[in-house]
């Protein structure tokens, strides 16, 4: 279970921040908690709409994807701080991520009464139209005299306080489970696999499905080539050198942008010899053209996980009739300098030589059934999907692999055998 903890103070030193950090450390068996700061967010001003700013949108996405939210509020002049109120204004102006979201309110104060008045006001704000959060009733946690409550390591010192905090958090977990059962699975926005939209880097005036898209698009934008130098963020290479570098990678690389357009693959060998077959004419195509229609649902699911931030990487074992190989498709989310989703970096490689090299170097052995590598079982331990993002009763399809349709050795796992193994780090489990 993934929760977001909002630090309701903009102060550099805050006992509310300490409280959330203690919760994160002490109760990590109940849930994972990601702390979010509000000190760098702009003050609310509807005449200067910052709804689409990276900072507000990042908070919006985090809350949408979280199972629940814990807000730790100080008390300033018998109410919530201005900074926290400002954040809630942004989150109820044009976007509404807290709507029907389970929320728990806690607070720490230097004084005896804790944050009783500010918590009451915060509950009223969270219940307001436009916010519509589902605040857990009762179970108030008010930490008074918070300056003396923590030791030097940031731990609460009073065991009764810790026990009470634990009971309220356990109740919140139950509250989330009830709300989630009633609400059903989260619905993420659909993906436009036909790339009918437009982003800043879209080349207009050239048909995406044209087999000569690369040549025509390059001419349209005056793209550089050959020995022309390109300044990278930490390097200076010619276009030729970049191609040499990428083509020498011991894996197949694919780039699909945030508009779901397939823009690049490293041309290491002919399609028939690739782990995931691609042909030059596919570059420029929308992803819908690169996969059989029956796999669209799985393609969309993987992109949704990466675009939404539910996970940064998905790994899928794609079985093929090549027993000496263990082929894994890795889908890695790319982000720009503002943290915005920029597309997918897919890299495909045969993991078996890496595993064998590692075992040889360390003297270790895989145990389990005879085909230890294929079962990916190490010392009998079960792999766990970190972010519990699962494809239920579905076979995941290779997203940006741009597999050649109707070929026998398609890169699509949707057409593969049902025994799909998924790496635990991938945050995606296939049941």
Protein backbone atom coordinates (compact mmCIF):
# COMPACT_ATOMS: atom_id res chain seq x y z
CA UNK A 1 0.00 0.00 0.00
CA UNK A 2 1.41 3.38 -1.06
CA UNK A 3 0.58 6.54 0.91
CA UNK A 4 1.55 10.17 0.47
CA UNK A 5 2.46 12.21 3.55
CA UNK A 6 2.01 15.97 3.09
CA UNK A 7 4.20 18.08 5.37
CA UNK A 8 1.86 20.96 6.23
CA UNK A 9 4.65 23.28 7.31
CA UNK A 10 6.95 25.44 5.21
CA UNK A 11 9.47 25.80 8.07
CA UNK A 12 12.95 24.34 7.72
CA UNK A 13 12.62 22.78 11.19
CA UNK A 14 9.21 21.21 11.76
CA UNK A 15 8.00 18.63 14.25
CA UNK A 16 5.23 17.74 11.78
CA UNK A 17 7.92 16.71 9.33
CA UNK A 18 9.57 14.72 12.14
CA UNK A 19 6.26 13.03 12.86
CA UNK A 20 5.79 11.91 9.25
CA UNK A 21 9.39 10.72 9.06
CA UNK A 22 8.85 8.67 12.21
CA UNK A 23 5.65 7.18 10.77
CA UNK A 24 7.49 6.28 7.56
CA UNK A 25 10.26 4.51 9.48
CA UNK A 26 8.30 2.94 12.31
CA UNK A 27 5.28 1.62 10.43
CA UNK A 28 6.79 0.53 7.11
CA UNK A 29 5.25 -2.92 7.50
CA UNK A 30 1.79 -1.36 7.22
CA UNK A 31 2.52 0.77 4.13
CA UNK A 32 5.14 2.72 2.25
CA UNK A 33 5.01 6.47 2.83
CA UNK A 34 6.41 9.12 0.50
CA UNK A 35 6.83 12.57 2.05
CA UNK A 36 5.82 15.60 0.00
CA UNK A 37 6.94 19.14 0.82
CA UNK A 38 4.83 22.23 0.15
CA UNK A 39 7.44 24.89 0.87
CA UNK A 40 8.40 25.38 -2.79
CA UNK A 41 4.86 25.45 -4.20
CA UNK A 42 3.50 28.81 -5.44
CA UNK A 43 0.89 30.64 -3.37
CA UNK A 44 -2.60 30.28 -4.78
CA UNK A 45 -3.68 33.06 -7.12
CA UNK A 46 -6.42 32.29 -9.61
CA UNK A 47 -5.34 35.27 -11.73
CA UNK A 48 -1.94 33.63 -12.14
CA UNK A 49 -3.01 30.07 -12.82
CA UNK A 50 -0.19 27.65 -11.96
CA UNK A 51 -2.31 24.50 -12.22
CA UNK A 52 -0.24 23.13 -15.10
CA UNK A 53 3.11 23.99 -13.56
CA UNK A 54 5.42 20.97 -13.04
CA UNK A 55 5.29 21.33 -9.24
CA UNK A 56 1.49 21.31 -8.98
CA UNK A 57 1.05 18.60 -11.58
CA UNK A 58 3.64 16.39 -9.90
CA UNK A 59 1.76 16.65 -6.59
CA UNK A 60 -1.50 16.03 -8.44
CA UNK A 61 -0.15 12.80 -9.98
CA UNK A 62 1.32 11.56 -6.71
CA UNK A 63 -2.01 11.96 -4.90
CA UNK A 64 -4.01 10.36 -7.71
CA UNK A 65 -1.79 7.29 -7.68
CA UNK A 66 -1.59 6.97 -3.90
CA UNK A 67 -3.92 4.67 -1.97
CA UNK A 68 -4.31 7.32 0.70
CA UNK A 69 -2.95 10.59 2.07
CA UNK A 70 -1.76 11.61 5.54
CA UNK A 71 -1.66 15.36 6.18
CA UNK A 72 0.40 16.60 9.13
CA UNK A 73 -0.73 20.10 10.04
CA UNK A 74 0.73 22.61 12.48
CA UNK A 75 -1.55 25.13 14.19
CA UNK A 76 -1.08 28.83 13.44
CA UNK A 77 -3.43 31.27 15.17
CA UNK A 78 -5.95 28.48 15.86
CA UNK A 79 -6.07 27.29 12.23
CA UNK A 80 -4.05 25.67 9.45
CA UNK A 81 -0.98 27.48 8.06
CA UNK A 82 -1.43 29.69 5.00
CA UNK A 83 0.93 27.52 2.95
CA UNK A 84 -1.14 24.38 3.50
CA UNK A 85 -4.40 26.22 2.77
CA UNK A 86 -2.84 27.51 -0.46
CA UNK A 87 -1.93 23.99 -1.59
CA UNK A 88 -5.47 22.78 -0.95
CA UNK A 89 -6.75 25.72 -3.04
CA UNK A 90 -4.64 24.53 -5.99
CA UNK A 91 -5.90 20.97 -5.48
CA UNK A 92 -9.53 22.08 -5.70
CA UNK A 93 -9.38 24.86 -8.33
CA UNK A 94 -9.17 23.02 -11.68
CA UNK A 95 -7.85 19.64 -10.54
CA UNK A 96 -9.39 17.48 -7.84
CA UNK A 97 -7.00 14.65 -6.88
CA UNK A 98 -8.33 14.47 -3.30
CA UNK A 99 -11.87 13.71 -4.43
CA UNK A 100 -12.94 10.39 -2.86
CA UNK A 101 -9.35 9.88 -1.66
CA UNK A 102 -8.94 8.44 1.87
CA UNK A 103 -7.23 11.07 4.05
CA UNK A 104 -5.97 10.93 7.62
CA UNK A 105 -5.24 14.10 9.59
CA UNK A 106 -2.47 14.28 12.19
CA UNK A 107 -0.65 17.17 13.78
CA UNK A 108 2.12 18.22 16.14
CA UNK A 109 2.33 21.38 18.21
CA UNK A 110 4.66 22.84 20.80
CA UNK A 111 1.71 23.37 23.16
CA UNK A 112 -0.46 21.10 25.31
CA UNK A 113 -3.54 20.94 23.09
CA UNK A 114 -1.68 19.69 20.05
CA UNK A 115 -3.34 20.87 16.85
CA UNK A 116 -6.98 20.35 17.80
CA UNK A 117 -8.32 23.58 16.30
CA UNK A 118 -6.34 23.38 13.06
CA UNK A 119 -7.31 19.71 12.61
CA UNK A 120 -10.98 20.65 12.99
CA UNK A 121 -10.61 23.39 10.37
CA UNK A 122 -8.65 21.08 8.08
CA UNK A 123 -11.40 18.47 8.22
CA UNK A 124 -13.93 21.13 7.24
CA UNK A 125 -11.75 22.23 4.31
CA UNK A 126 -11.28 18.65 3.12
CA UNK A 127 -15.06 18.18 3.18
CA UNK A 128 -15.67 21.30 1.05
CA UNK A 129 -17.06 21.11 -2.52
CA UNK A 130 -14.16 20.81 -4.95
CA UNK A 131 -12.04 18.94 -2.41
CA UNK A 132 -14.45 16.15 -1.38
CA UNK A 133 -11.83 14.04 0.39
CA UNK A 134 -12.91 11.02 2.40
CA UNK A 135 -11.49 11.93 5.78
CA UNK A 136 -11.26 9.11 8.30
CA UNK A 137 -13.69 9.97 11.10
CA UNK A 138 -12.46 10.08 14.69
CA UNK A 139 -9.05 8.58 15.44
CA UNK A 140 -7.51 12.01 16.02
CA UNK A 141 -3.79 12.02 16.68
CA UNK A 142 -2.73 15.22 18.45
CA UNK A 143 0.91 15.41 19.47
CA UNK A 144 1.33 18.08 22.14
CA UNK A 145 4.63 19.40 23.47
CA UNK A 146 6.19 18.07 20.28
CA UNK A 147 9.48 19.86 20.86
CA UNK A 148 10.24 17.47 23.72
CA UNK A 149 8.54 14.41 22.20
CA UNK A 150 11.39 13.19 19.95
CA UNK A 151 14.85 11.92 20.78
CA UNK A 152 18.02 12.87 18.87
CA UNK A 153 17.33 10.18 16.25
CA UNK A 154 13.86 11.57 15.54
CA UNK A 155 11.99 8.80 17.35
CA UNK A 156 8.99 9.37 19.59
CA UNK A 157 10.01 8.53 23.14
CA UNK A 158 6.69 7.80 24.87
CA UNK A 159 5.60 4.20 24.23
CA UNK A 160 1.91 4.92 24.88
CA UNK A 161 2.00 7.65 22.24
CA UNK A 162 3.65 5.23 19.78
CA UNK A 163 1.04 2.55 20.51
CA UNK A 164 -1.84 4.97 20.02
CA UNK A 165 -0.33 6.28 16.79
CA UNK A 166 0.04 2.69 15.57
CA UNK A 167 -3.61 1.91 16.33
CA UNK A 168 -4.84 4.99 14.43
CA UNK A 169 -2.67 4.11 11.43
CA UNK A 170 -3.93 0.52 11.47
CA UNK A 171 -7.49 1.90 11.47
CA UNK A 172 -6.59 4.12 8.52
CA UNK A 173 -5.32 1.11 6.56
CA UNK A 174 -8.64 -0.65 7.20
CA UNK A 175 -10.49 2.52 6.17
CA UNK A 176 -8.53 2.62 2.88
CA UNK A 177 -9.30 -1.02 2.18
CA UNK A 178 -13.02 -0.47 2.69
CA UNK A 179 -13.02 2.64 0.48
CA UNK A 180 -10.99 0.85 -2.21
CA UNK A 181 -13.35 -2.13 -2.21
CA UNK A 182 -16.33 0.17 -2.73
CA UNK A 183 -14.63 2.32 -5.37
CA UNK A 184 -13.23 -0.53 -7.48
CA UNK A 185 -9.95 -0.41 -9.44
CA UNK A 186 -8.32 2.92 -10.33
CA UNK A 187 -9.11 4.20 -13.79
CA UNK A 188 -6.23 5.86 -15.62
CA UNK A 189 -6.80 8.04 -18.71
CA UNK A 190 -6.85 6.08 -21.98
CA UNK A 191 -3.80 6.11 -24.24
CA UNK A 192 -3.92 7.41 -27.80
CA UNK A 193 -1.96 4.61 -29.48
CA UNK A 194 -2.65 6.15 -32.89
CA UNK A 195 -0.66 9.28 -31.87
CA UNK A 196 -3.30 11.68 -33.20
CA UNK A 197 -2.19 14.38 -30.78
CA UNK A 198 0.70 16.78 -31.09
CA UNK A 199 3.64 17.62 -28.84
CA UNK A 200 6.43 20.17 -29.21
CA UNK A 201 8.64 17.75 -31.16
CA UNK A 202 5.98 16.36 -33.49
CA UNK A 203 6.95 16.77 -37.15
CA UNK A 204 3.85 18.02 -38.94
CA UNK A 205 3.06 17.61 -42.60
CA UNK A 206 4.50 14.10 -42.89
CA UNK A 207 2.31 11.00 -42.72
CA UNK A 208 3.41 8.93 -39.70
CA UNK A 209 2.64 5.69 -41.56
CA UNK A 210 4.82 6.59 -44.56
CA UNK A 211 7.66 4.09 -45.05
CA UNK A 212 9.84 7.09 -45.93
CA UNK A 213 8.84 9.04 -42.81
CA UNK A 214 12.41 9.33 -41.51
CA UNK A 215 13.80 10.77 -44.73
CA UNK A 216 10.85 13.13 -45.29
CA UNK A 217 10.70 14.29 -41.65
CA UNK A 218 14.48 14.87 -41.56
CA UNK A 219 14.24 17.02 -44.66
CA UNK A 220 11.25 18.95 -43.25
CA UNK A 221 13.10 19.94 -40.07
CA UNK A 222 16.58 20.27 -41.58
CA UNK A 223 17.99 17.48 -39.39
CA UNK A 224 21.77 17.27 -39.11
CA UNK A 225 23.71 14.14 -40.01
CA UNK A 226 27.19 12.80 -40.70
CA UNK A 227 30.07 14.69 -39.06
CA UNK A 228 27.93 17.53 -37.72
CA UNK A 229 28.62 18.00 -34.01
CA UNK A 230 25.85 17.67 -31.42
CA UNK A 231 26.33 19.13 -27.94
CA UNK A 232 24.85 16.74 -25.38
CA UNK A 233 24.31 17.49 -21.71
CA UNK A 234 27.74 16.04 -20.94
CA UNK A 235 29.44 15.39 -24.23
CA UNK A 236 30.23 16.57 -27.73
CA UNK A 237 29.76 13.97 -30.47
CA UNK A 238 29.09 13.94 -34.16
CA UNK A 239 25.88 12.34 -35.41
CA UNK A 240 27.99 9.50 -36.80
CA UNK A 241 29.60 8.95 -33.40
CA UNK A 242 26.19 8.88 -31.71
CA UNK A 243 25.08 6.21 -34.16
CA UNK A 244 28.26 4.18 -33.58
CA UNK A 245 27.74 4.46 -29.83
CA UNK A 246 24.08 3.41 -29.87
CA UNK A 247 24.55 0.64 -32.43
CA UNK A 248 27.32 -0.86 -30.30
CA UNK A 249 25.07 -1.27 -27.26
CA UNK A 250 24.71 -4.97 -26.34
CA UNK A 251 20.93 -4.62 -26.45
CA UNK A 252 18.16 -3.53 -28.75
CA UNK A 253 17.05 0.04 -28.02
CA UNK A 254 13.78 1.73 -28.93
CA UNK A 255 12.52 5.29 -28.34
CA UNK A 256 8.78 6.10 -28.31
CA UNK A 257 7.84 9.68 -27.41
CA UNK A 258 5.11 10.92 -25.06
CA UNK A 259 2.75 11.16 -28.05
CA UNK A 260 3.10 7.38 -28.55
CA UNK A 261 5.04 7.74 -31.78
CA UNK A 262 7.84 5.24 -32.51
CA UNK A 263 10.87 7.42 -33.35
CA UNK A 264 14.04 5.34 -33.18
CA UNK A 265 15.67 1.95 -32.87
CA UNK A 266 19.36 1.07 -33.04
CA UNK A 267 19.90 -0.77 -36.30
CA UNK A 268 22.23 -3.49 -35.07
CA UNK A 269 21.14 -6.28 -37.43
CA UNK A 270 18.43 -7.44 -39.80
CA UNK A 271 14.90 -8.01 -38.46
CA UNK A 272 15.14 -11.80 -38.76
CA UNK A 273 18.15 -11.83 -36.40
CA UNK A 274 16.72 -9.47 -33.77
CA UNK A 275 15.24 -10.40 -30.42
CA UNK A 276 12.28 -8.18 -31.37
CA UNK A 277 11.90 -7.81 -35.11
CA UNK A 278 11.75 -4.27 -36.51
CA UNK A 279 12.10 -2.86 -40.01
CA UNK A 280 13.30 0.63 -41.05
CA UNK A 281 9.92 1.64 -42.49
CA UNK A 282 8.29 1.43 -39.04
CA UNK A 283 10.18 4.45 -37.71
CA UNK A 284 7.72 7.34 -37.39
CA UNK A 285 4.68 5.08 -37.02
CA UNK A 286 2.18 5.47 -34.19
CA UNK A 287 2.50 2.59 -31.74
CA UNK A 288 -0.87 1.24 -32.88
CA UNK A 289 0.75 0.41 -36.25
CA UNK A 290 3.55 -1.50 -34.52
CA UNK A 291 1.39 -4.04 -32.67
CA UNK A 292 -1.47 -6.36 -33.51
CA UNK A 293 -4.82 -4.91 -32.44
CA UNK A 294 -5.44 -7.72 -29.96
CA UNK A 295 -2.47 -6.50 -27.89
CA UNK A 296 -3.58 -2.85 -27.65
CA UNK A 297 -5.01 -3.30 -24.15
CA UNK A 298 -1.70 -4.60 -22.79
CA UNK A 299 0.32 -1.96 -24.63
CA UNK A 300 -1.93 0.72 -23.15
CA UNK A 301 -1.58 -0.71 -19.64
CA UNK A 302 2.22 -0.54 -19.68
CA UNK A 303 2.24 3.03 -21.02
CA UNK A 304 -0.32 4.08 -18.40
CA UNK A 305 1.88 2.76 -15.60
CA UNK A 306 4.89 4.70 -16.87
CA UNK A 307 3.08 7.91 -17.82
CA UNK A 308 1.17 8.09 -14.54
CA UNK A 309 4.25 7.48 -12.41
CA UNK A 310 2.84 4.30 -10.87
CA UNK A 311 6.26 2.84 -11.65
CA UNK A 312 9.38 3.96 -13.50
CA UNK A 313 10.11 0.59 -15.06
CA UNK A 314 8.32 -2.54 -16.23
CA UNK A 315 10.22 -5.71 -17.11
CA UNK A 316 8.66 -8.60 -18.98
CA UNK A 317 10.13 -11.95 -19.93
CA UNK A 318 9.04 -12.72 -23.50
CA UNK A 319 9.31 -16.47 -24.16
CA UNK A 320 10.39 -17.51 -27.65
CA UNK A 321 11.34 -20.82 -29.19
CA UNK A 322 14.98 -20.17 -28.31
CA UNK A 323 15.79 -22.22 -25.17
CA UNK A 324 19.35 -20.92 -24.95
CA UNK A 325 18.10 -17.35 -24.42
CA UNK A 326 16.16 -15.58 -21.65
CA UNK A 327 14.77 -12.51 -23.42
CA UNK A 328 13.60 -9.59 -21.31
CA UNK A 329 11.84 -6.44 -22.50
CA UNK A 330 12.58 -3.49 -20.21
CA UNK A 331 10.31 -0.44 -20.42
CA UNK A 332 11.85 2.60 -18.72
CA UNK A 333 9.97 5.90 -18.34
CA UNK A 334 11.85 8.96 -19.61
CA UNK A 335 11.40 12.43 -18.13
CA UNK A 336 12.45 15.91 -19.18
CA UNK A 337 14.30 18.46 -17.04
CA UNK A 338 11.01 19.41 -15.34
CA UNK A 339 10.19 15.83 -14.43
CA UNK A 340 7.48 15.56 -17.08
CA UNK A 341 6.92 12.24 -18.84
CA UNK A 342 8.86 12.24 -22.13
CA UNK A 343 8.24 8.74 -23.46
CA UNK A 344 9.60 5.20 -23.21
CA UNK A 345 13.11 3.85 -23.48
CA UNK A 346 12.70 0.18 -24.26
CA UNK A 347 15.78 -1.99 -24.13
CA UNK A 348 15.71 -5.69 -24.93
CA UNK A 349 18.44 -8.15 -24.07
CA UNK A 350 19.18 -11.76 -23.39
CA UNK A 351 19.72 -12.03 -19.63
CA UNK A 352 21.08 -15.56 -19.66
CA UNK A 353 24.72 -14.68 -20.46
CA UNK A 354 24.67 -12.04 -17.70
CA UNK A 355 23.33 -14.52 -15.16
CA UNK A 356 25.85 -17.17 -16.19
CA UNK A 357 28.72 -14.67 -16.01
CA UNK A 358 27.61 -13.55 -12.54
CA UNK A 359 27.40 -17.14 -11.28
CA UNK A 360 30.83 -17.91 -12.70
CA UNK A 361 32.39 -14.84 -11.11
CA UNK A 362 30.84 -15.36 -7.66
CA UNK A 363 30.80 -19.14 -7.49
CA UNK A 364 27.11 -19.06 -6.60
CA UNK A 365 24.45 -21.37 -7.99
CA UNK A 366 20.78 -21.01 -8.72
CA UNK A 367 18.61 -23.54 -6.99
CA UNK A 368 15.09 -24.75 -7.68
CA UNK A 369 14.00 -26.78 -10.64
CA UNK A 370 16.43 -27.96 -13.29
CA UNK A 371 15.85 -24.98 -15.55
CA UNK A 372 16.94 -22.62 -12.79
CA UNK A 373 17.58 -19.64 -15.01
CA UNK A 374 14.20 -19.83 -16.71
CA UNK A 375 12.44 -20.07 -13.37
CA UNK A 376 14.43 -17.10 -12.06
CA UNK A 377 14.37 -18.67 -8.61
CA UNK A 378 17.19 -17.71 -6.27
CA UNK A 379 17.46 -19.78 -3.08
CA UNK A 380 13.78 -20.61 -3.31
CA UNK A 381 12.70 -17.05 -2.58
CA UNK A 382 9.52 -15.73 -4.14
CA UNK A 383 9.74 -12.55 -6.13
CA UNK A 384 7.44 -9.75 -5.10
CA UNK A 385 6.08 -7.01 -7.33
CA UNK A 386 7.22 -3.82 -5.61
CA UNK A 387 4.45 -1.48 -6.71
CA UNK A 388 1.88 -4.29 -6.98
CA UNK A 389 0.89 -3.13 -10.41
CA UNK A 390 -0.48 -6.30 -11.94
CA UNK A 391 -1.92 -7.41 -15.23
CA UNK A 392 -4.81 -9.64 -14.23
CA UNK A 393 -5.14 -12.76 -16.32
CA UNK A 394 -3.45 -11.02 -19.25
CA UNK A 395 -0.21 -11.51 -21.12
CA UNK A 396 1.80 -8.32 -21.34
CA UNK A 397 2.76 -7.10 -24.78
CA UNK A 398 6.06 -5.54 -25.77
CA UNK A 399 5.18 -1.85 -25.96
CA UNK A 400 7.63 0.06 -28.09
CA UNK A 401 9.36 -2.92 -29.64
CA UNK A 402 7.58 -2.13 -32.91
CA UNK A 403 7.29 -5.79 -33.76
CA UNK A 404 6.70 -6.66 -37.39
CA UNK A 405 3.08 -7.78 -37.65
CA UNK A 406 2.22 -11.32 -38.66
CA UNK A 407 5.83 -12.51 -38.30
CA UNK A 408 6.36 -15.85 -36.62
CA UNK A 409 8.88 -14.42 -34.16
CA UNK A 410 6.90 -11.39 -33.07
CA UNK A 411 8.21 -9.27 -30.20
CA UNK A 412 4.74 -9.32 -28.74
CA UNK A 413 4.39 -11.26 -25.53
CA UNK A 414 0.66 -11.28 -26.11
CA UNK A 415 1.30 -13.84 -28.83
CA UNK A 416 3.79 -15.77 -26.73
CA UNK A 417 3.38 -18.70 -24.36
CA UNK A 418 1.42 -17.89 -21.20
CA UNK A 419 4.39 -18.50 -18.90
CA UNK A 420 5.37 -14.84 -18.55
CA UNK A 421 7.91 -14.17 -15.81
CA UNK A 422 8.30 -10.68 -14.41
CA UNK A 423 11.22 -9.25 -12.49
CA UNK A 424 10.42 -7.99 -8.98
CA UNK A 425 12.05 -4.62 -9.59
CA UNK A 426 9.73 -4.08 -12.53
CA UNK A 427 6.80 -3.29 -10.24
CA UNK A 428 4.56 -5.29 -12.54
CA UNK A 429 3.28 -8.74 -11.82
CA UNK A 430 1.55 -10.98 -14.31
CA UNK A 431 -0.85 -13.37 -12.67
